[in-house]
Amino acid sequence: QVQLVESGGGLVQAGGSLRLSCAASGSIFSFDAMGWYRQAPGKQRERVSVFSSGGVTNYADSVKGRFTISRGNAKNTVYLQMNSLKPEDTAVYYCNAVRYTTLRNYDYWGQGTQVTVSS
């Protein structure tokens, strides 16, 4: 049973920083991609940043230049360094991991961690 556990959320003032961590357990395989999504109240879940195999990263336009995603040395870990936080970054942040096979894709989600940015 694969589980993703996020940590690092909290309350921070605008302009501050937070670092989110996600660790996956229960998988003997490395994931092809790991990333972060967020969902603000009343809005759809949106992709924040994804780190794919081969070191390819992408970011939502709204966080480019402020957020940095990285994979950990430990297998199946991913981090999101968030700097210059804005009130509009307030959301529940979810870790996501994907493994691709010829038969199907395996898609996993964490429970989410709350990030609140006060103005």
Protein backbone atom coordinates (compact mmCIF):
# COMPACT_ATOMS: atom_id res chain seq x y z
CA GLN A 1 0.00 0.00 0.00
CA VAL A 2 1.65 3.21 -1.17
CA GLN A 3 1.35 6.18 1.17
CA LEU A 4 2.48 9.74 0.64
CA VAL A 5 3.03 11.82 3.76
CA GLU A 6 3.42 15.58 3.52
CA SER A 7 4.86 17.89 6.13
CA GLY A 8 6.04 21.47 6.45
CA GLY A 9 2.85 23.43 6.03
CA GLY A 10 1.84 26.19 8.40
CA LEU A 11 1.07 29.85 8.86
CA VAL A 12 3.50 32.44 7.54
CA GLN A 13 3.42 36.14 6.81
CA ALA A 14 3.54 37.44 3.27
CA GLY A 15 7.11 37.46 2.02
CA GLY A 16 8.07 34.53 4.19
CA SER A 17 9.19 31.03 3.29
CA LEU A 18 8.12 27.46 3.90
CA ARG A 19 9.53 24.13 2.81
CA LEU A 20 7.19 21.26 2.12
CA SER A 21 8.35 17.67 2.25
CA CYS A 22 6.77 14.52 0.90
CA ALA A 23 7.91 11.00 1.58
CA ALA A 24 6.43 7.96 -0.10
CA SER A 25 6.41 4.56 1.51
CA GLY A 26 5.19 1.15 0.49
CA SER A 27 6.59 1.14 -3.02
CA ILE A 28 9.55 -0.88 -4.20
CA PHE A 29 9.61 1.16 -7.41
CA SER A 30 10.81 4.66 -7.98
CA PHE A 31 8.17 7.00 -9.27
CA ASP A 32 8.43 8.47 -12.74
CA ALA A 33 7.22 11.83 -11.52
CA MET A 34 6.56 13.48 -8.20
CA GLY A 35 5.08 16.86 -7.66
CA TRP A 36 2.88 19.27 -5.81
CA TYR A 37 -0.64 20.46 -6.42
CA ARG A 38 -2.75 22.87 -4.43
CA GLN A 39 -6.39 23.63 -3.87
CA ALA A 40 -7.67 26.89 -2.47
CA PRO A 41 -11.19 27.21 -1.02
CA GLY A 42 -13.77 27.33 -3.78
CA LYS A 43 -11.22 26.63 -6.50
CA GLN A 44 -10.14 23.60 -8.50
CA ARG A 45 -6.98 21.75 -7.69
CA GLU A 46 -4.10 23.10 -9.72
CA ARG A 47 -0.64 21.88 -10.53
CA VAL A 48 2.11 23.81 -8.78
CA SER A 49 5.27 21.99 -9.79
CA VAL A 50 6.33 18.57 -11.01
CA PHE A 51 9.72 16.87 -11.05
CA SER A 52 9.88 14.18 -13.73
CA SER A 53 12.42 11.49 -14.39
CA GLY A 54 15.52 12.83 -16.05
CA GLY A 55 15.43 15.92 -13.89
CA VAL A 56 12.78 17.77 -15.87
CA THR A 57 10.87 20.29 -13.79
CA ASN A 58 7.95 22.53 -14.52
CA TYR A 59 6.17 25.23 -12.59
CA ALA A 60 2.90 27.05 -12.70
CA ASP A 61 3.38 30.57 -13.99
CA SER A 62 2.13 31.96 -10.69
CA VAL A 63 5.02 30.42 -8.74
CA LYS A 64 7.91 30.65 -11.19
CA GLY A 65 10.91 32.33 -9.64
CA ARG A 66 9.56 31.86 -6.13
CA PHE A 67 9.16 28.09 -5.68
CA THR A 68 11.76 25.38 -6.24
CA ILE A 69 11.04 21.68 -6.44
CA SER A 70 13.67 19.05 -5.75
CA ARG A 71 13.92 15.32 -5.30
CA GLY A 72 15.61 13.98 -2.21
CA ASN A 73 18.54 11.60 -2.00
CA ALA A 74 16.22 9.13 -0.34
CA LYS A 75 14.14 7.27 -2.87
CA ASN A 76 10.70 8.66 -3.47
CA THR A 77 10.99 11.96 -1.64
CA VAL A 78 10.23 15.39 -3.00
CA TYR A 79 10.47 18.88 -1.59
CA LEU A 80 9.00 22.25 -2.42
CA GLN A 81 10.86 25.33 -1.26
CA MET A 82 8.46 28.25 -1.27
CA ASN A 83 9.88 31.76 -0.99
CA SER A 84 8.31 35.20 -1.23
CA LEU A 85 4.97 33.75 -0.29
CA LYS A 86 1.83 35.68 -1.11
CA PRO A 87 -1.66 35.50 0.40
CA GLU A 88 -2.87 33.97 -2.87
CA ASP A 89 -0.59 30.99 -2.21
CA THR A 90 -2.89 30.02 0.64
CA ALA A 91 -4.21 26.53 -0.08
CA VAL A 92 -4.01 22.89 0.85
CA TYR A 93 -0.93 21.49 -0.85
CA TYR A 94 -0.99 17.89 -2.03
CA CYS A 95 1.90 15.65 -2.93
CA ASN A 96 1.43 13.50 -6.02
CA ALA A 97 3.43 10.56 -7.35
CA VAL A 98 3.02 8.77 -10.65
CA ARG A 99 4.41 5.55 -12.04
CA TYR A 100 3.92 4.72 -15.70
CA THR A 101 3.68 1.15 -16.99
CA THR A 102 2.67 -0.30 -20.33
CA LEU A 103 -0.60 -1.50 -18.88
CA ARG A 104 -1.69 1.46 -16.77
CA ASN A 105 -0.55 4.49 -14.83
CA TYR A 106 -0.41 4.46 -11.06
CA ASP A 107 -1.39 7.76 -9.48
CA TYR A 108 -1.04 8.44 -5.76
CA TRP A 109 -1.96 11.39 -3.53
CA GLY A 110 -1.11 12.51 -0.05
CA GLN A 111 -3.62 13.80 2.48
CA GLY A 112 -2.53 17.41 2.04
CA THR A 113 -0.89 20.03 4.21
CA GLN A 114 -2.34 23.46 4.85
CA VAL A 115 -0.35 26.55 3.88
CA THR A 116 -1.74 29.87 5.05
CA VAL A 117 -0.10 33.16 4.11
CA SER A 118 -1.27 36.21 6.01
CA SER A 119 -1.08 39.70 4.57
